[in-house]
């Protein structure tokens, strides 16, 4: 089960942090694809999203700061996943990180 992780582009961060939801069909305008994460098992859909969110914190996936040059090359100036970032689940459903968890924005292409 592969999940896609998208981080907000720098100019979208102020909007994402206040809860503005991106258009799932135009993520290339507001977000940058960052990673593809494969989970071997399914706990629950929400638990899987939470697990990926936890995995994408700087102290977990980039504790030595080695990803900084790659992130900066993509126009991203932070390491940890935050409010406004996006996870696309294996079914193509776009989930945006929200202050209270995740908000589903619907399925890509439909």
PDB file of N, CA and C in Angstrom:
ATOM      1  N   UNK A   1       0.849  -1.175   0.000  1.00  0.00           N
ATOM      2  CA  UNK A   1       0.000   0.000   0.000  1.00  0.00           C
ATOM      3  C   UNK A   1       0.891   1.233   0.000  1.00  0.00           C
ATOM      4  N   UNK A   2       0.888   1.953  -1.124  1.00  0.00           N
ATOM      5  CA  UNK A   2       1.752   3.110  -1.269  1.00  0.00           C
ATOM      6  C   UNK A   2       0.972   4.405  -1.055  1.00  0.00           C
ATOM      7  N   UNK A   3       1.577   5.256  -0.262  1.00  0.00           N
ATOM      8  CA  UNK A   3       1.038   6.581   0.037  1.00  0.00           C
ATOM      9  C   UNK A   3       1.999   7.612  -0.533  1.00  0.00           C
ATOM     10  N   UNK A   4       1.451   8.686  -1.060  1.00  0.00           N
ATOM     11  CA  UNK A   4       2.270   9.768  -1.589  1.00  0.00           C
ATOM     12  C   UNK A   4       2.206  10.951  -0.638  1.00  0.00           C
ATOM     13  N   UNK A   5       3.364  11.527  -0.372  1.00  0.00           N
ATOM     14  CA  UNK A   5       3.464  12.666   0.539  1.00  0.00           C
ATOM     15  C   UNK A   5       3.816  13.910  -0.269  1.00  0.00           C
ATOM     16  N   UNK A   6       3.043  14.955  -0.074  1.00  0.00           N
ATOM     17  CA  UNK A   6       3.274  16.249  -0.717  1.00  0.00           C
ATOM     18  C   UNK A   6       3.430  17.310   0.374  1.00  0.00           C
ATOM     19  N   UNK A   7       4.464  18.128   0.246  1.00  0.00           N
ATOM     20  CA  UNK A   7       4.645  19.263   1.156  1.00  0.00           C
ATOM     21  C   UNK A   7       4.231  20.542   0.428  1.00  0.00           C
ATOM     22  N   UNK A   8       3.770  21.503   1.202  1.00  0.00           N
ATOM     23  CA  UNK A   8       3.366  22.782   0.635  1.00  0.00           C
ATOM     24  C   UNK A   8       4.566  23.515   0.056  1.00  0.00           C
ATOM     25  N   UNK A   9       4.319  24.188  -1.050  1.00  0.00           N
ATOM     26  CA  UNK A   9       5.320  25.111  -1.576  1.00  0.00           C
ATOM     27  C   UNK A   9       5.398  26.293  -0.628  1.00  0.00           C
ATOM     28  N   UNK A  10       6.551  26.926  -0.596  1.00  0.00           N
ATOM     29  CA  UNK A  10       6.798  28.008   0.357  1.00  0.00           C
ATOM     30  C   UNK A  10       5.752  29.118   0.286  1.00  0.00           C
ATOM     31  N   UNK A  11       5.303  29.477  -0.926  1.00  0.00           N
ATOM     32  CA  UNK A  11       4.330  30.564  -1.037  1.00  0.00           C
ATOM     33  C   UNK A  11       2.914  30.143  -0.633  1.00  0.00           C
ATOM     34  N   UNK A  12       2.677  28.847  -0.465  1.00  0.00           N
ATOM     35  CA  UNK A  12       1.369  28.365  -0.028  1.00  0.00           C
ATOM     36  C   UNK A  12       1.310  28.182   1.490  1.00  0.00           C
ATOM     37  N   UNK A  13       2.457  28.154   2.159  1.00  0.00           N
ATOM     38  CA  UNK A  13       2.505  27.875   3.604  1.00  0.00           C
ATOM     39  C   UNK A  13       1.568  28.771   4.416  1.00  0.00           C
ATOM     40  N   UNK A  14       1.585  30.096   4.223  1.00  0.00           N
ATOM     41  CA  UNK A  14       0.664  30.922   5.042  1.00  0.00           C
ATOM     42  C   UNK A  14      -0.798  30.522   4.874  1.00  0.00           C
ATOM     43  N   UNK A  15      -1.185  30.148   3.650  1.00  0.00           N
ATOM     44  CA  UNK A  15      -2.572  29.740   3.395  1.00  0.00           C
ATOM     45  C   UNK A  15      -2.863  28.383   4.023  1.00  0.00           C
ATOM     46  N   UNK A  16      -1.941  27.448   3.852  1.00  0.00           N
ATOM     47  CA  UNK A  16      -2.130  26.111   4.413  1.00  0.00           C
ATOM     48  C   UNK A  16      -2.198  26.112   5.923  1.00  0.00           C
ATOM     49  N   UNK A  17      -1.374  26.956   6.552  1.00  0.00           N
ATOM     50  CA  UNK A  17      -1.353  26.999   8.013  1.00  0.00           C
ATOM     51  C   UNK A  17      -2.637  27.551   8.619  1.00  0.00           C
ATOM     52  N   UNK A  18      -3.364  28.370   7.861  1.00  0.00           N
ATOM     53  CA  UNK A  18      -4.630  28.892   8.397  1.00  0.00           C
ATOM     54  C   UNK A  18      -5.820  28.013   8.006  1.00  0.00           C
ATOM     55  N   UNK A  19      -5.541  26.901   7.301  1.00  0.00           N
ATOM     56  CA  UNK A  19      -6.608  25.951   7.007  1.00  0.00           C
ATOM     57  C   UNK A  19      -7.195  26.033   5.616  1.00  0.00           C
ATOM     58  N   UNK A  20      -6.620  26.854   4.748  1.00  0.00           N
ATOM     59  CA  UNK A  20      -7.101  26.897   3.370  1.00  0.00           C
ATOM     60  C   UNK A  20      -6.804  25.561   2.711  1.00  0.00           C
ATOM     61  N   UNK A  21      -7.812  24.963   2.133  1.00  0.00           N
ATOM     62  CA  UNK A  21      -7.638  23.645   1.535  1.00  0.00           C
ATOM     63  C   UNK A  21      -7.234  23.764   0.075  1.00  0.00           C
ATOM     64  N   UNK A  22      -6.208  23.017  -0.315  1.00  0.00           N
ATOM     65  CA  UNK A  22      -5.772  23.072  -1.708  1.00  0.00           C
ATOM     66  C   UNK A  22      -6.762  22.344  -2.617  1.00  0.00           C
ATOM     67  N   UNK A  23      -6.700  22.649  -3.883  1.00  0.00           N
ATOM     68  CA  UNK A  23      -7.493  21.943  -4.880  1.00  0.00           C
ATOM     69  C   UNK A  23      -6.774  20.627  -5.180  1.00  0.00           C
ATOM     70  N   UNK A  24      -7.391  19.482  -4.892  1.00  0.00           N
ATOM     71  CA  UNK A  24      -6.702  18.207  -5.109  1.00  0.00           C
ATOM     72  C   UNK A  24      -6.356  17.943  -6.571  1.00  0.00           C
ATOM     73  N   UNK A  25      -7.012  18.621  -7.500  1.00  0.00           N
ATOM     74  CA  UNK A  25      -6.710  18.441  -8.913  1.00  0.00           C
ATOM     75  C   UNK A  25      -5.613  19.387  -9.398  1.00  0.00           C
ATOM     76  N   UNK A  26      -5.179  20.298  -8.518  1.00  0.00           N
ATOM     77  CA  UNK A  26      -4.136  21.259  -8.895  1.00  0.00           C
ATOM     78  C   UNK A  26      -3.029  21.304  -7.836  1.00  0.00           C
ATOM     79  N   UNK A  27      -2.711  20.145  -7.268  1.00  0.00           N
ATOM     80  CA  UNK A  27      -1.679  20.101  -6.232  1.00  0.00           C
ATOM     81  C   UNK A  27      -0.326  20.600  -6.729  1.00  0.00           C
ATOM     82  N   UNK A  28      -0.078  20.462  -8.029  1.00  0.00           N
ATOM     83  CA  UNK A  28       1.205  20.909  -8.566  1.00  0.00           C
ATOM     84  C   UNK A  28       1.397  22.413  -8.422  1.00  0.00           C
ATOM     85  N   UNK A  29       0.315  23.156  -8.229  1.00  0.00           N
ATOM     86  CA  UNK A  29       0.397  24.605  -8.044  1.00  0.00           C
ATOM     87  C   UNK A  29       0.768  24.950  -6.603  1.00  0.00           C
ATOM     88  N   UNK A  30       0.266  24.180  -5.641  1.00  0.00           N
ATOM     89  CA  UNK A  30       0.426  24.522  -4.228  1.00  0.00           C
ATOM     90  C   UNK A  30       1.390  23.627  -3.463  1.00  0.00           C
ATOM     91  N   UNK A  31       1.684  22.432  -4.002  1.00  0.00           N
ATOM     92  CA  UNK A  31       2.464  21.440  -3.270  1.00  0.00           C
ATOM     93  C   UNK A  31       3.541  20.803  -4.142  1.00  0.00           C
ATOM     94  N   UNK A  32       4.500  20.197  -3.482  1.00  0.00           N
ATOM     95  CA  UNK A  32       5.605  19.508  -4.141  1.00  0.00           C
ATOM     96  C   UNK A  32       5.578  18.042  -3.711  1.00  0.00           C
ATOM     97  N   UNK A  33       5.638  17.095  -4.666  1.00  0.00           N
ATOM     98  CA  UNK A  33       5.734  15.694  -4.252  1.00  0.00           C
ATOM     99  C   UNK A  33       7.063  15.466  -3.554  1.00  0.00           C
ATOM    100  N   UNK A  34       7.019  14.825  -2.393  1.00  0.00           N
ATOM    101  CA  UNK A  34       8.239  14.665  -1.604  1.00  0.00           C
ATOM    102  C   UNK A  34       8.641  13.212  -1.436  1.00  0.00           C
ATOM    103  N   UNK A  35       7.672  12.340  -1.175  1.00  0.00           N
ATOM    104  CA  UNK A  35       8.036  10.949  -0.867  1.00  0.00           C
ATOM    105  C   UNK A  35       6.894  10.014  -1.222  1.00  0.00           C
ATOM    106  N   UNK A  36       7.277   8.763  -1.412  1.00  0.00           N
ATOM    107  CA  UNK A  36       6.309   7.684  -1.548  1.00  0.00           C
ATOM    108  C   UNK A  36       6.632   6.704  -0.432  1.00  0.00           C
ATOM    109  N   UNK A  37       5.638   6.424   0.385  1.00  0.00           N
ATOM    110  CA  UNK A  37       5.839   5.565   1.546  1.00  0.00           C
ATOM    111  C   UNK A  37       4.974   4.323   1.388  1.00  0.00           C
ATOM    112  N   UNK A  38       5.594   3.186   1.539  1.00  0.00           N
ATOM    113  CA  UNK A  38       4.855   1.934   1.457  1.00  0.00           C
ATOM    114  C   UNK A  38       4.648   1.378   2.858  1.00  0.00           C
ATOM    115  N   UNK A  39       3.395   1.145   3.191  1.00  0.00           N
ATOM    116  CA  UNK A  39       3.047   0.503   4.454  1.00  0.00           C
ATOM    117  C   UNK A  39       2.657  -0.928   4.149  1.00  0.00           C
ATOM    118  N   UNK A  40       3.182  -1.836   4.926  1.00  0.00           N
ATOM    119  CA  UNK A  40       2.948  -3.252   4.648  1.00  0.00           C
ATOM    120  C   UNK A  40       1.607  -3.753   5.156  1.00  0.00           C
ATOM    121  N   UNK A  41       1.071  -3.108   6.169  1.00  0.00           N
ATOM    122  CA  UNK A  41      -0.199  -3.559   6.717  1.00  0.00           C
ATOM    123  C   UNK A  41      -1.172  -2.415   6.863  1.00  0.00           C
ATOM    124  N   UNK A  42      -2.419  -2.755   7.069  1.00  0.00           N
ATOM    125  CA  UNK A  42      -3.462  -1.760   7.243  1.00  0.00           C
ATOM    126  C   UNK A  42      -3.971  -1.849   8.664  1.00  0.00           C
ATOM    127  N   UNK A  43      -3.811  -0.779   9.394  1.00  0.00           N
ATOM    128  CA  UNK A  43      -4.388  -0.726  10.742  1.00  0.00           C
ATOM    129  C   UNK A  43      -5.818  -0.228  10.560  1.00  0.00           C
ATOM    130  N   UNK A  44      -5.959   1.060  10.388  1.00  0.00           N
ATOM    131  CA  UNK A  44      -7.201   1.700   9.952  1.00  0.00           C
ATOM    132  C   UNK A  44      -6.758   2.828   9.027  1.00  0.00           C
ATOM    133  N   UNK A  45      -7.624   3.322   8.172  1.00  0.00           N
ATOM    134  CA  UNK A  45      -7.197   4.410   7.290  1.00  0.00           C
ATOM    135  C   UNK A  45      -6.637   5.605   8.070  1.00  0.00           C
ATOM    136  N   UNK A  46      -7.319   5.995   9.151  1.00  0.00           N
ATOM    137  CA  UNK A  46      -6.847   7.145   9.933  1.00  0.00           C
ATOM    138  C   UNK A  46      -5.521   6.836  10.618  1.00  0.00           C
ATOM    139  N   UNK A  47      -5.383   5.653  11.186  1.00  0.00           N
ATOM    140  CA  UNK A  47      -4.140   5.284  11.868  1.00  0.00           C
ATOM    141  C   UNK A  47      -2.974   5.260  10.889  1.00  0.00           C
ATOM    142  N   UNK A  48      -3.214   4.825   9.660  1.00  0.00           N
ATOM    143  CA  UNK A  48      -2.147   4.839   8.657  1.00  0.00           C
ATOM    144  C   UNK A  48      -1.712   6.267   8.342  1.00  0.00           C
ATOM    145  N   UNK A  49      -2.673   7.176   8.204  1.00  0.00           N
ATOM    146  CA  UNK A  49      -2.328   8.582   7.963  1.00  0.00           C
ATOM    147  C   UNK A  49      -1.533   9.152   9.130  1.00  0.00           C
ATOM    148  N   UNK A  50      -1.983   8.848  10.338  1.00  0.00           N
ATOM    149  CA  UNK A  50      -1.283   9.342  11.529  1.00  0.00           C
ATOM    150  C   UNK A  50       0.135   8.771  11.601  1.00  0.00           C
ATOM    151  N   UNK A  51       0.282   7.506  11.238  1.00  0.00           N
ATOM    152  CA  UNK A  51       1.595   6.862  11.248  1.00  0.00           C
ATOM    153  C   UNK A  51       2.540   7.564  10.258  1.00  0.00           C
ATOM    154  N   UNK A  52       2.044   7.867   9.074  1.00  0.00           N
ATOM    155  CA  UNK A  52       2.861   8.572   8.086  1.00  0.00           C
ATOM    156  C   UNK A  52       3.210   9.964   8.580  1.00  0.00           C
ATOM    157  N   UNK A  53       2.248  10.666   9.170  1.00  0.00           N
ATOM    158  CA  UNK A  53       2.523  11.991   9.735  1.00  0.00           C
ATOM    159  C   UNK A  53       3.663  11.898  10.755  1.00  0.00           C
ATOM    160  N   UNK A  54       3.586  10.927  11.636  1.00  0.00           N
ATOM    161  CA  UNK A  54       4.640  10.758  12.645  1.00  0.00           C
ATOM    162  C   UNK A  54       5.983  10.433  11.998  1.00  0.00           C
ATOM    163  N   UNK A  55       5.970   9.588  10.974  1.00  0.00           N
ATOM    164  CA  UNK A  55       7.204   9.221  10.280  1.00  0.00           C
ATOM    165  C   UNK A  55       7.857  10.430   9.611  1.00  0.00           C
ATOM    166  N   UNK A  56       7.050  11.404   9.199  1.00  0.00           N
ATOM    167  CA  UNK A  56       7.564  12.551   8.460  1.00  0.00           C
ATOM    168  C   UNK A  56       7.970  13.717   9.356  1.00  0.00           C
ATOM    169  N   UNK A  57       8.193  13.450  10.636  1.00  0.00           N
ATOM    170  CA  UNK A  57       8.736  14.474  11.513  1.00  0.00           C
ATOM    171  C   UNK A  57      10.264  14.435  11.412  1.00  0.00           C
ATOM    172  N   UNK A  58      10.882  15.595  11.452  1.00  0.00           N
ATOM    173  CA  UNK A  58      12.324  15.712  11.208  1.00  0.00           C
ATOM    174  C   UNK A  58      13.144  14.802  12.098  1.00  0.00           C
ATOM    175  N   UNK A  59      12.768  14.675  13.363  1.00  0.00           N
ATOM    176  CA  UNK A  59      13.559  13.859  14.287  1.00  0.00           C
ATOM    177  C   UNK A  59      13.493  12.373  13.951  1.00  0.00           C
ATOM    178  N   UNK A  60      12.539  11.969  13.100  1.00  0.00           N
ATOM    179  CA  UNK A  60      12.415  10.576  12.691  1.00  0.00           C
ATOM    180  C   UNK A  60      13.124  10.333  11.354  1.00  0.00           C
ATOM    181  N   UNK A  61      12.757  11.076  10.325  1.00  0.00           N
ATOM    182  CA  UNK A  61      13.252  10.750   8.989  1.00  0.00           C
ATOM    183  C   UNK A  61      14.491  11.534   8.573  1.00  0.00           C
ATOM    184  N   UNK A  62      14.823  12.607   9.289  1.00  0.00           N
ATOM    185  CA  UNK A  62      16.013  13.377   8.913  1.00  0.00           C
ATOM    186  C   UNK A  62      16.693  13.944  10.148  1.00  0.00           C
ATOM    187  N   UNK A  63      16.973  13.085  11.094  1.00  0.00           N
ATOM    188  CA  UNK A  63      17.528  13.543  12.373  1.00  0.00           C
ATOM    189  C   UNK A  63      18.907  14.185  12.226  1.00  0.00           C
ATOM    190  N   UNK A  64      19.614  13.887  11.160  1.00  0.00           N
ATOM    191  CA  UNK A  64      20.947  14.475  10.964  1.00  0.00           C
ATOM    192  C   UNK A  64      20.940  15.637   9.972  1.00  0.00           C
ATOM    193  N   UNK A  65      19.779  15.995   9.456  1.00  0.00           N
ATOM    194  CA  UNK A  65      19.675  17.137   8.557  1.00  0.00           C
ATOM    195  C   UNK A  65      20.223  16.917   7.165  1.00  0.00           C
ATOM    196  N   UNK A  66      20.390  15.680   6.764  1.00  0.00           N
ATOM    197  CA  UNK A  66      20.978  15.389   5.454  1.00  0.00           C
ATOM    198  C   UNK A  66      20.034  15.667   4.285  1.00  0.00           C
ATOM    199  N   UNK A  67      18.751  15.781   4.556  1.00  0.00           N
ATOM    200  CA  UNK A  67      17.785  16.021   3.480  1.00  0.00           C
ATOM    201  C   UNK A  67      17.673  17.498   3.116  1.00  0.00           C
ATOM    202  N   UNK A  68      18.275  18.378   3.887  1.00  0.00           N
ATOM    203  CA  UNK A  68      18.119  19.817   3.663  1.00  0.00           C
ATOM    204  C   UNK A  68      18.456  20.269   2.244  1.00  0.00           C
ATOM    205  N   UNK A  69      19.586  19.845   1.665  1.00  0.00           N
ATOM    206  CA  UNK A  69      19.870  20.299   0.294  1.00  0.00           C
ATOM    207  C   UNK A  69      18.799  19.871  -0.715  1.00  0.00           C
ATOM    208  N   UNK A  70      18.313  18.636  -0.598  1.00  0.00           N
ATOM    209  CA  UNK A  70      17.271  18.155  -1.509  1.00  0.00           C
ATOM    210  C   UNK A  70      15.962  18.923  -1.304  1.00  0.00           C
ATOM    211  N   UNK A  71      15.607  19.167  -0.060  1.00  0.00           N
ATOM    212  CA  UNK A  71      14.386  19.930   0.236  1.00  0.00           C
ATOM    213  C   UNK A  71      14.487  21.334  -0.347  1.00  0.00           C
ATOM    214  N   UNK A  72      15.609  22.004  -0.104  1.00  0.00           N
ATOM    215  CA  UNK A  72      15.788  23.375  -0.611  1.00  0.00           C
ATOM    216  C   UNK A  72      15.762  23.400  -2.134  1.00  0.00           C
ATOM    217  N   UNK A  73      16.319  22.369  -2.771  1.00  0.00           N
ATOM    218  CA  UNK A  73      16.291  22.293  -4.235  1.00  0.00           C
ATOM    219  C   UNK A  73      14.855  22.196  -4.749  1.00  0.00           C
ATOM    220  N   UNK A  74      13.964  21.664  -3.945  1.00  0.00           N
ATOM    221  CA  UNK A  74      12.548  21.551  -4.319  1.00  0.00           C
ATOM    222  C   UNK A  74      11.731  22.745  -3.844  1.00  0.00           C
ATOM    223  N   UNK A  75      12.381  23.716  -3.191  1.00  0.00           N
ATOM    224  CA  UNK A  75      11.680  24.904  -2.718  1.00  0.00           C
ATOM    225  C   UNK A  75      10.979  24.713  -1.391  1.00  0.00           C
ATOM    226  N   UNK A  76      11.441  23.752  -0.606  1.00  0.00           N
ATOM    227  CA  UNK A  76      10.852  23.477   0.711  1.00  0.00           C
ATOM    228  C   UNK A  76      11.884  23.853   1.770  1.00  0.00           C
ATOM    229  N   UNK A  77      11.476  24.675   2.731  1.00  0.00           N
ATOM    230  CA  UNK A  77      12.421  25.186   3.725  1.00  0.00           C
ATOM    231  C   UNK A  77      12.097  24.711   5.134  1.00  0.00           C
ATOM    232  N   UNK A  78      11.536  23.516   5.225  1.00  0.00           N
ATOM    233  CA  UNK A  78      11.263  22.885   6.515  1.00  0.00           C
ATOM    234  C   UNK A  78      11.304  21.384   6.294  1.00  0.00           C
ATOM    235  N   UNK A  79      11.445  20.643   7.378  1.00  0.00           N
ATOM    236  CA  UNK A  79      11.597  19.201   7.253  1.00  0.00           C
ATOM    237  C   UNK A  79      10.358  18.447   7.724  1.00  0.00           C
ATOM    238  N   UNK A  80       9.760  18.873   8.806  1.00  0.00           N
ATOM    239  CA  UNK A  80       8.630  18.139   9.394  1.00  0.00           C
ATOM    240  C   UNK A  80       7.321  18.397   8.661  1.00  0.00           C
ATOM    241  N   UNK A  81       6.518  17.342   8.542  1.00  0.00           N
ATOM    242  CA  UNK A  81       5.171  17.475   7.992  1.00  0.00           C
ATOM    243  C   UNK A  81       4.357  18.359   8.918  1.00  0.00           C
ATOM    244  N   UNK A  82       3.495  19.179   8.325  1.00  0.00           N
ATOM    245  CA  UNK A  82       2.756  20.161   9.097  1.00  0.00           C
ATOM    246  C   UNK A  82       1.346  20.335   8.549  1.00  0.00           C
ATOM    247  N   UNK A  83       0.569  21.147   9.253  1.00  0.00           N
ATOM    248  CA  UNK A  83      -0.767  21.524   8.798  1.00  0.00           C
ATOM    249  C   UNK A  83      -0.641  22.083   7.385  1.00  0.00           C
ATOM    250  N   UNK A  84      -1.502  21.601   6.488  1.00  0.00           N
ATOM    251  CA  UNK A  84      -1.504  22.055   5.106  1.00  0.00           C
ATOM    252  C   UNK A  84      -0.820  21.104   4.148  1.00  0.00           C
ATOM    253  N   UNK A  85       0.010  20.197   4.668  1.00  0.00           N
ATOM    254  CA  UNK A  85       0.647  19.200   3.813  1.00  0.00           C
ATOM    255  C   UNK A  85      -0.363  18.114   3.457  1.00  0.00           C
ATOM    256  N   UNK A  86      -0.024  17.276   2.488  1.00  0.00           N
ATOM    257  CA  UNK A  86      -0.988  16.340   1.912  1.00  0.00           C
ATOM    258  C   UNK A  86      -0.433  14.916   1.892  1.00  0.00           C
ATOM    259  N   UNK A  87      -1.332  13.968   2.135  1.00  0.00           N
ATOM    260  CA  UNK A  87      -1.043  12.544   1.938  1.00  0.00           C
ATOM    261  C   UNK A  87      -2.119  12.005   0.999  1.00  0.00           C
ATOM    262  N   UNK A  88      -1.682  11.314  -0.047  1.00  0.00           N
ATOM    263  CA  UNK A  88      -2.625  10.660  -0.953  1.00  0.00           C
ATOM    264  C   UNK A  88      -2.553   9.165  -0.665  1.00  0.00           C
ATOM    265  N   UNK A  89      -3.699   8.576  -0.342  1.00  0.00           N
ATOM    266  CA  UNK A  89      -3.717   7.161   0.034  1.00  0.00           C
ATOM    267  C   UNK A  89      -3.730   6.267  -1.202  1.00  0.00           C
ATOM    268  N   UNK A  90      -3.608   4.958  -1.019  1.00  0.00           N
ATOM    269  CA  UNK A  90      -3.550   4.042  -2.170  1.00  0.00           C
ATOM    270  C   UNK A  90      -4.784   4.077  -3.076  1.00  0.00           C
ATOM    271  N   UNK A  91      -5.910   4.519  -2.553  1.00  0.00           N
ATOM    272  CA  UNK A  91      -7.124   4.629  -3.369  1.00  0.00           C
ATOM    273  C   UNK A  91      -7.197   5.946  -4.127  1.00  0.00           C
ATOM    274  N   UNK A  92      -6.221   6.815  -3.929  1.00  0.00           N
ATOM    275  CA  UNK A  92      -6.212   8.108  -4.608  1.00  0.00           C
ATOM    276  C   UNK A  92      -6.963   9.191  -3.878  1.00  0.00           C
ATOM    277  N   UNK A  93      -7.313   8.956  -2.620  1.00  0.00           N
ATOM    278  CA  UNK A  93      -8.007   9.974  -1.832  1.00  0.00           C
ATOM    279  C   UNK A  93      -6.974  10.924  -1.234  1.00  0.00           C
ATOM    280  N   UNK A  94      -7.223  12.210  -1.419  1.00  0.00           N
ATOM    281  CA  UNK A  94      -6.317  13.257  -0.957  1.00  0.00           C
ATOM    282  C   UNK A  94      -6.731  13.683   0.446  1.00  0.00           C
ATOM    283  N   UNK A  95      -5.762  13.624   1.373  1.00  0.00           N
ATOM    284  CA  UNK A  95      -5.997  14.021   2.761  1.00  0.00           C
ATOM    285  C   UNK A  95      -5.047  15.162   3.091  1.00  0.00           C
ATOM    286  N   UNK A  96      -5.588  16.257   3.592  1.00  0.00           N
ATOM    287  CA  UNK A  96      -4.752  17.377   4.008  1.00  0.00           C
ATOM    288  C   UNK A  96      -4.636  17.345   5.529  1.00  0.00           C
ATOM    289  N   UNK A  97      -3.428  17.615   6.020  1.00  0.00           N
ATOM    290  CA  UNK A  97      -3.217  17.684   7.466  1.00  0.00           C
ATOM    291  C   UNK A  97      -3.930  18.931   7.972  1.00  0.00           C
ATOM    292  N   UNK A  98      -4.737  18.747   9.012  1.00  0.00           N
ATOM    293  CA  UNK A  98      -5.522  19.827   9.602  1.00  0.00           C
ATOM    294  C   UNK A  98      -5.153  19.937  11.072  1.00  0.00           C
ATOM    295  N   UNK A  99      -5.556  21.008  11.709  1.00  0.00           N
ATOM    296  CA  UNK A  99      -5.238  21.205  13.131  1.00  0.00           C
ATOM    297  C   UNK A  99      -5.778  20.084  14.002  1.00  0.00           C
ATOM    298  N   UNK A 100      -6.859  19.449  13.584  1.00  0.00           N
ATOM    299  CA  UNK A 100      -7.458  18.389  14.378  1.00  0.00           C
ATOM    300  C   UNK A 100      -7.195  16.995  13.834  1.00  0.00           C
ATOM    301  N   UNK A 101      -6.330  16.870  12.853  1.00  0.00           N
ATOM    302  CA  UNK A 101      -6.055  15.556  12.266  1.00  0.00           C
ATOM    303  C   UNK A 101      -5.910  15.657  10.764  1.00  0.00           C
ATOM    304  N   UNK A 102      -6.904  15.131  10.049  1.00  0.00           N
ATOM    305  CA  UNK A 102      -6.868  15.112   8.591  1.00  0.00           C
ATOM    306  C   UNK A 102      -8.242  15.420   8.043  1.00  0.00           C
ATOM    307  N   UNK A 103      -8.276  16.091   6.896  1.00  0.00           N
ATOM    308  CA  UNK A 103      -9.512  16.358   6.184  1.00  0.00           C
ATOM    309  C   UNK A 103      -9.373  15.716   4.808  1.00  0.00           C
ATOM    310  N   UNK A 104     -10.335  14.884   4.431  1.00  0.00           N
ATOM    311  CA  UNK A 104     -10.326  14.248   3.124  1.00  0.00           C
ATOM    312  C   UNK A 104     -10.918  15.190   2.100  1.00  0.00           C
ATOM    313  N   UNK A 105     -10.174  15.404   1.006  1.00  0.00           N
ATOM    314  CA  UNK A 105     -10.612  16.342  -0.023  1.00  0.00           C
ATOM    315  C   UNK A 105     -11.243  15.650  -1.220  1.00  0.00           C
ATOM    316  N   UNK A 106     -11.314  14.332  -1.180  1.00  0.00           N
ATOM    317  CA  UNK A 106     -11.907  13.592  -2.277  1.00  0.00           C
ATOM    318  C   UNK A 106     -10.858  12.834  -3.072  1.00  0.00           C
ATOM    319  N   UNK A 107     -11.346  12.106  -4.039  1.00  0.00           N
ATOM    320  CA  UNK A 107     -10.500  11.243  -4.849  1.00  0.00           C
ATOM    321  C   UNK A 107      -9.934  12.001  -6.045  1.00  0.00           C
ATOM    322  N   UNK A 108      -8.677  11.731  -6.342  1.00  0.00           N
ATOM    323  CA  UNK A 108      -8.075  12.337  -7.534  1.00  0.00           C
ATOM    324  C   UNK A 108      -8.859  11.914  -8.761  1.00  0.00           C
ATOM    325  N   UNK A 109      -9.127  12.867  -9.603  1.00  0.00           N
ATOM    326  CA  UNK A 109      -9.817  12.553 -10.839  1.00  0.00           C
ATOM    327  C   UNK A 109     -11.281  12.191 -10.689  1.00  0.00           C
ATOM    328  N   UNK A 110     -11.837  12.480  -9.540  1.00  0.00           N
ATOM    329  CA  UNK A 110     -13.240  12.127  -9.439  1.00  0.00           C
ATOM    330  C   UNK A 110     -13.795  12.503  -8.152  1.00  0.00           C
TER     331      UNK A 110
END
